[in-house]
PDB file of N, CA and C in Angstrom:
ATOM      1  N   UNK A   1       0.848  -1.171   0.000  1.00  0.00           N
ATOM      2  CA  UNK A   1       0.000   0.000   0.000  1.00  0.00           C
ATOM      3  C   UNK A   1       0.894   1.234   0.000  1.00  0.00           C
ATOM      4  N   UNK A   2       0.640   2.174  -0.890  1.00  0.00           N
ATOM      5  CA  UNK A   2       1.477   3.356  -1.038  1.00  0.00           C
ATOM      6  C   UNK A   2       0.862   4.541  -0.300  1.00  0.00           C
ATOM      7  N   UNK A   3       1.064   4.600   1.015  1.00  0.00           N
ATOM      8  CA  UNK A   3       0.551   5.700   1.828  1.00  0.00           C
ATOM      9  C   UNK A   3       1.726   6.597   2.195  1.00  0.00           C
ATOM     10  N   UNK A   4       1.610   7.876   1.876  1.00  0.00           N
ATOM     11  CA  UNK A   4       2.685   8.791   2.231  1.00  0.00           C
ATOM     12  C   UNK A   4       2.289   9.730   3.360  1.00  0.00           C
ATOM     13  N   UNK A   5       0.985   9.862   3.635  1.00  0.00           N
ATOM     14  CA  UNK A   5       0.535  10.667   4.758  1.00  0.00           C
ATOM     15  C   UNK A   5      -0.639   9.963   5.431  1.00  0.00           C
ATOM     16  N   UNK A   6      -0.628   9.968   6.745  1.00  0.00           N
ATOM     17  CA  UNK A   6      -1.690   9.322   7.512  1.00  0.00           C
ATOM     18  C   UNK A   6      -2.286  10.339   8.461  1.00  0.00           C
ATOM     19  N   UNK A   7      -3.567  10.606   8.306  1.00  0.00           N
ATOM     20  CA  UNK A   7      -4.289  11.504   9.208  1.00  0.00           C
ATOM     21  C   UNK A   7      -4.929  10.684  10.312  1.00  0.00           C
ATOM     22  N   UNK A   8      -4.861  11.201  11.526  1.00  0.00           N
ATOM     23  CA  UNK A   8      -5.396  10.492  12.686  1.00  0.00           C
ATOM     24  C   UNK A   8      -6.336  11.414  13.434  1.00  0.00           C
ATOM     25  N   UNK A   9      -7.601  11.033  13.521  1.00  0.00           N
ATOM     26  CA  UNK A   9      -8.592  11.786  14.279  1.00  0.00           C
ATOM     27  C   UNK A   9      -8.596  11.221  15.693  1.00  0.00           C
ATOM     28  N   UNK A  10      -8.223  12.028  16.659  1.00  0.00           N
ATOM     29  CA  UNK A  10      -8.109  11.578  18.041  1.00  0.00           C
ATOM     30  C   UNK A  10      -9.472  11.445  18.717  1.00  0.00           C
ATOM     31  N   UNK A  11      -9.577  10.466  19.558  1.00  0.00           N
ATOM     32  CA  UNK A  11     -10.763  10.252  20.369  1.00  0.00           C
ATOM     33  C   UNK A  11     -10.338   9.528  21.643  1.00  0.00           C
ATOM     34  N   UNK A  12     -11.268   9.308  22.538  1.00  0.00           N
ATOM     35  CA  UNK A  12     -10.912   8.656  23.805  1.00  0.00           C
ATOM     36  C   UNK A  12     -10.527   7.200  23.615  1.00  0.00           C
ATOM     37  N   UNK A  13     -11.310   6.448  22.855  1.00  0.00           N
ATOM     38  CA  UNK A  13     -11.061   5.010  22.723  1.00  0.00           C
ATOM     39  C   UNK A  13     -10.822   4.546  21.292  1.00  0.00           C
ATOM     40  N   UNK A  14     -11.424   5.228  20.336  1.00  0.00           N
ATOM     41  CA  UNK A  14     -11.338   4.804  18.934  1.00  0.00           C
ATOM     42  C   UNK A  14     -10.724   5.930  18.105  1.00  0.00           C
ATOM     43  N   UNK A  15      -9.785   5.576  17.221  1.00  0.00           N
ATOM     44  CA  UNK A  15      -9.155   6.540  16.328  1.00  0.00           C
ATOM     45  C   UNK A  15      -9.617   6.265  14.903  1.00  0.00           C
ATOM     46  N   UNK A  16      -9.853   7.330  14.149  1.00  0.00           N
ATOM     47  CA  UNK A  16     -10.147   7.213  12.726  1.00  0.00           C
ATOM     48  C   UNK A  16      -8.849   7.478  11.981  1.00  0.00           C
ATOM     49  N   UNK A  17      -8.448   6.565  11.117  1.00  0.00           N
ATOM     50  CA  UNK A  17      -7.238   6.734  10.324  1.00  0.00           C
ATOM     51  C   UNK A  17      -7.609   6.959   8.867  1.00  0.00           C
ATOM     52  N   UNK A  18      -6.920   7.901   8.228  1.00  0.00           N
ATOM     53  CA  UNK A  18      -7.163   8.226   6.827  1.00  0.00           C
ATOM     54  C   UNK A  18      -5.814   8.329   6.132  1.00  0.00           C
ATOM     55  N   UNK A  19      -5.539   7.425   5.209  1.00  0.00           N
ATOM     56  CA  UNK A  19      -4.260   7.415   4.501  1.00  0.00           C
ATOM     57  C   UNK A  19      -4.416   7.911   3.080  1.00  0.00           C
ATOM     58  N   UNK A  20      -3.395   8.647   2.604  1.00  0.00           N
ATOM     59  CA  UNK A  20      -3.406   9.164   1.232  1.00  0.00           C
ATOM     60  C   UNK A  20      -2.030   8.982   0.603  1.00  0.00           C
ATOM     61  N   UNK A  21      -2.025   8.910  -0.731  1.00  0.00           N
ATOM     62  CA  UNK A  21      -0.750   8.828  -1.439  1.00  0.00           C
ATOM     63  C   UNK A  21      -0.206  10.236  -1.666  1.00  0.00           C
ATOM     64  N   UNK A  22       0.900  10.341  -2.401  1.00  0.00           N
ATOM     65  CA  UNK A  22       1.538  11.651  -2.623  1.00  0.00           C
ATOM     66  C   UNK A  22       0.654  12.627  -3.382  1.00  0.00           C
ATOM     67  N   UNK A  23      -0.267  12.106  -4.177  1.00  0.00           N
ATOM     68  CA  UNK A  23      -1.174  12.961  -4.946  1.00  0.00           C
ATOM     69  C   UNK A  23      -2.397  13.384  -4.159  1.00  0.00           C
ATOM     70  N   UNK A  24      -2.552  12.859  -2.951  1.00  0.00           N
ATOM     71  CA  UNK A  24      -3.698  13.200  -2.119  1.00  0.00           C
ATOM     72  C   UNK A  24      -4.891  12.277  -2.295  1.00  0.00           C
ATOM     73  N   UNK A  25      -4.741  11.227  -3.095  1.00  0.00           N
ATOM     74  CA  UNK A  25      -5.836  10.273  -3.299  1.00  0.00           C
ATOM     75  C   UNK A  25      -5.959   9.371  -2.078  1.00  0.00           C
ATOM     76  N   UNK A  26      -7.193   9.180  -1.626  1.00  0.00           N
ATOM     77  CA  UNK A  26      -7.442   8.331  -0.458  1.00  0.00           C
ATOM     78  C   UNK A  26      -7.063   6.886  -0.767  1.00  0.00           C
ATOM     79  N   UNK A  27      -6.281   6.276   0.115  1.00  0.00           N
ATOM     80  CA  UNK A  27      -5.826   4.901  -0.077  1.00  0.00           C
ATOM     81  C   UNK A  27      -6.174   3.993   1.095  1.00  0.00           C
ATOM     82  N   UNK A  28      -6.544   4.588   2.234  1.00  0.00           N
ATOM     83  CA  UNK A  28      -6.775   3.770   3.417  1.00  0.00           C
ATOM     84  C   UNK A  28      -7.714   4.509   4.367  1.00  0.00           C
ATOM     85  N   UNK A  29      -8.560   3.767   5.028  1.00  0.00           N
ATOM     86  CA  UNK A  29      -9.433   4.317   6.057  1.00  0.00           C
ATOM     87  C   UNK A  29      -9.803   3.207   7.029  1.00  0.00           C
ATOM     88  N   UNK A  30      -9.733   3.511   8.316  1.00  0.00           N
ATOM     89  CA  UNK A  30     -10.056   2.486   9.312  1.00  0.00           C
ATOM     90  C   UNK A  30     -10.350   3.117  10.662  1.00  0.00           C
ATOM     91  N   UNK A  31     -11.102   2.385  11.472  1.00  0.00           N
ATOM     92  CA  UNK A  31     -11.298   2.712  12.879  1.00  0.00           C
ATOM     93  C   UNK A  31     -10.456   1.725  13.674  1.00  0.00           C
ATOM     94  N   UNK A  32      -9.659   2.238  14.604  1.00  0.00           N
ATOM     95  CA  UNK A  32      -8.861   1.336  15.438  1.00  0.00           C
ATOM     96  C   UNK A  32      -8.989   1.745  16.900  1.00  0.00           C
ATOM     97  N   UNK A  33      -8.935   0.770  17.755  1.00  0.00           N
ATOM     98  CA  UNK A  33      -8.956   1.014  19.190  1.00  0.00           C
ATOM     99  C   UNK A  33      -7.609   1.604  19.613  1.00  0.00           C
ATOM    100  N   UNK A  34      -7.610   2.341  20.698  1.00  0.00           N
ATOM    101  CA  UNK A  34      -6.381   2.951  21.214  1.00  0.00           C
ATOM    102  C   UNK A  34      -5.268   1.913  21.373  1.00  0.00           C
ATOM    103  N   UNK A  35      -5.617   0.748  21.896  1.00  0.00           N
ATOM    104  CA  UNK A  35      -4.617  -0.294  22.136  1.00  0.00           C
ATOM    105  C   UNK A  35      -4.025  -0.868  20.845  1.00  0.00           C
ATOM    106  N   UNK A  36      -4.692  -0.672  19.707  1.00  0.00           N
ATOM    107  CA  UNK A  36      -4.238  -1.213  18.419  1.00  0.00           C
ATOM    108  C   UNK A  36      -3.538  -0.179  17.542  1.00  0.00           C
ATOM    109  N   UNK A  37      -3.501   1.083  17.967  1.00  0.00           N
ATOM    110  CA  UNK A  37      -3.025   2.157  17.100  1.00  0.00           C
ATOM    111  C   UNK A  37      -1.578   1.955  16.636  1.00  0.00           C
ATOM    112  N   UNK A  38      -0.652   1.776  17.542  1.00  0.00           N
ATOM    113  CA  UNK A  38       0.752   1.652  17.146  1.00  0.00           C
ATOM    114  C   UNK A  38       1.006   0.451  16.252  1.00  0.00           C
ATOM    115  N   UNK A  39       0.414  -0.676  16.563  1.00  0.00           N
ATOM    116  CA  UNK A  39       0.604  -1.867  15.739  1.00  0.00           C
ATOM    117  C   UNK A  39       0.045  -1.647  14.329  1.00  0.00           C
ATOM    118  N   UNK A  40      -1.094  -0.989  14.233  1.00  0.00           N
ATOM    119  CA  UNK A  40      -1.710  -0.720  12.925  1.00  0.00           C
ATOM    120  C   UNK A  40      -0.841   0.212  12.098  1.00  0.00           C
ATOM    121  N   UNK A  41      -0.334   1.272  12.708  1.00  0.00           N
ATOM    122  CA  UNK A  41       0.506   2.229  11.986  1.00  0.00           C
ATOM    123  C   UNK A  41       1.800   1.567  11.523  1.00  0.00           C
ATOM    124  N   UNK A  42       2.385   0.744  12.351  1.00  0.00           N
ATOM    125  CA  UNK A  42       3.625   0.048  11.966  1.00  0.00           C
ATOM    126  C   UNK A  42       3.420  -0.859  10.758  1.00  0.00           C
ATOM    127  N   UNK A  43       2.256  -1.468  10.652  1.00  0.00           N
ATOM    128  CA  UNK A  43       1.974  -2.366   9.526  1.00  0.00           C
ATOM    129  C   UNK A  43       1.787  -1.607   8.212  1.00  0.00           C
ATOM    130  N   UNK A  44       1.297  -0.374   8.284  1.00  0.00           N
ATOM    131  CA  UNK A  44       0.977   0.371   7.070  1.00  0.00           C
ATOM    132  C   UNK A  44       2.210   0.749   6.266  1.00  0.00           C
ATOM    133  N   UNK A  45       3.155   1.374   6.900  1.00  0.00           N
ATOM    134  CA  UNK A  45       4.363   1.800   6.193  1.00  0.00           C
ATOM    135  C   UNK A  45       5.420   2.202   7.211  1.00  0.00           C
ATOM    136  N   UNK A  46       6.661   1.822   6.965  1.00  0.00           N
ATOM    137  CA  UNK A  46       7.706   2.168   7.915  1.00  0.00           C
ATOM    138  C   UNK A  46       8.055   3.653   7.926  1.00  0.00           C
ATOM    139  N   UNK A  47       7.855   4.341   6.794  1.00  0.00           N
ATOM    140  CA  UNK A  47       8.166   5.767   6.708  1.00  0.00           C
ATOM    141  C   UNK A  47       7.007   6.513   6.068  1.00  0.00           C
ATOM    142  N   UNK A  48       6.427   7.394   6.835  1.00  0.00           N
ATOM    143  CA  UNK A  48       5.377   8.248   6.301  1.00  0.00           C
ATOM    144  C   UNK A  48       5.194   9.426   7.235  1.00  0.00           C
ATOM    145  N   UNK A  49       4.556  10.453   6.742  1.00  0.00           N
ATOM    146  CA  UNK A  49       4.222  11.601   7.573  1.00  0.00           C
ATOM    147  C   UNK A  49       2.890  11.310   8.242  1.00  0.00           C
ATOM    148  N   UNK A  50       2.794  11.605   9.523  1.00  0.00           N
ATOM    149  CA  UNK A  50       1.552  11.356  10.255  1.00  0.00           C
ATOM    150  C   UNK A  50       1.046  12.676  10.818  1.00  0.00           C
ATOM    151  N   UNK A  51      -0.208  12.986  10.547  1.00  0.00           N
ATOM    152  CA  UNK A  51      -0.808  14.183  11.103  1.00  0.00           C
ATOM    153  C   UNK A  51      -1.828  13.776  12.156  1.00  0.00           C
ATOM    154  N   UNK A  52      -1.969  14.608  13.145  1.00  0.00           N
ATOM    155  CA  UNK A  52      -2.907  14.326  14.234  1.00  0.00           C
ATOM    156  C   UNK A  52      -3.827  15.525  14.376  1.00  0.00           C
ATOM    157  N   UNK A  53      -5.125  15.282  14.424  1.00  0.00           N
ATOM    158  CA  UNK A  53      -6.083  16.363  14.566  1.00  0.00           C
ATOM    159  C   UNK A  53      -7.239  15.916  15.434  1.00  0.00           C
ATOM    160  N   UNK A  54      -7.940  16.895  15.986  1.00  0.00           N
ATOM    161  CA  UNK A  54      -9.098  16.603  16.823  1.00  0.00           C
ATOM    162  C   UNK A  54     -10.165  17.635  16.540  1.00  0.00           C
ATOM    163  N   UNK A  55     -11.342  17.167  16.195  1.00  0.00           N
ATOM    164  CA  UNK A  55     -12.475  18.059  15.985  1.00  0.00           C
ATOM    165  C   UNK A  55     -13.184  18.253  17.296  1.00  0.00           C
ATOM    166  N   UNK A  56     -13.661  19.447  17.529  1.00  0.00           N
ATOM    167  CA  UNK A  56     -14.396  19.684  18.779  1.00  0.00           C
ATOM    168  C   UNK A  56     -15.826  20.049  18.515  1.00  0.00           C
TER     169      UNK A  56
END
């Protein structure tokens, strides 16, 4: 999977992940539990930019 940027929507227990390639095309989307976040990110790509945001 060619993900160059991963957006992470923060929440208390569940995170929304949104991955895009260099052109900005959506390539990945998932809901993951807090306990699964690091393992999930490690599986996606060893090198990528990760953004973190929270809507209020």
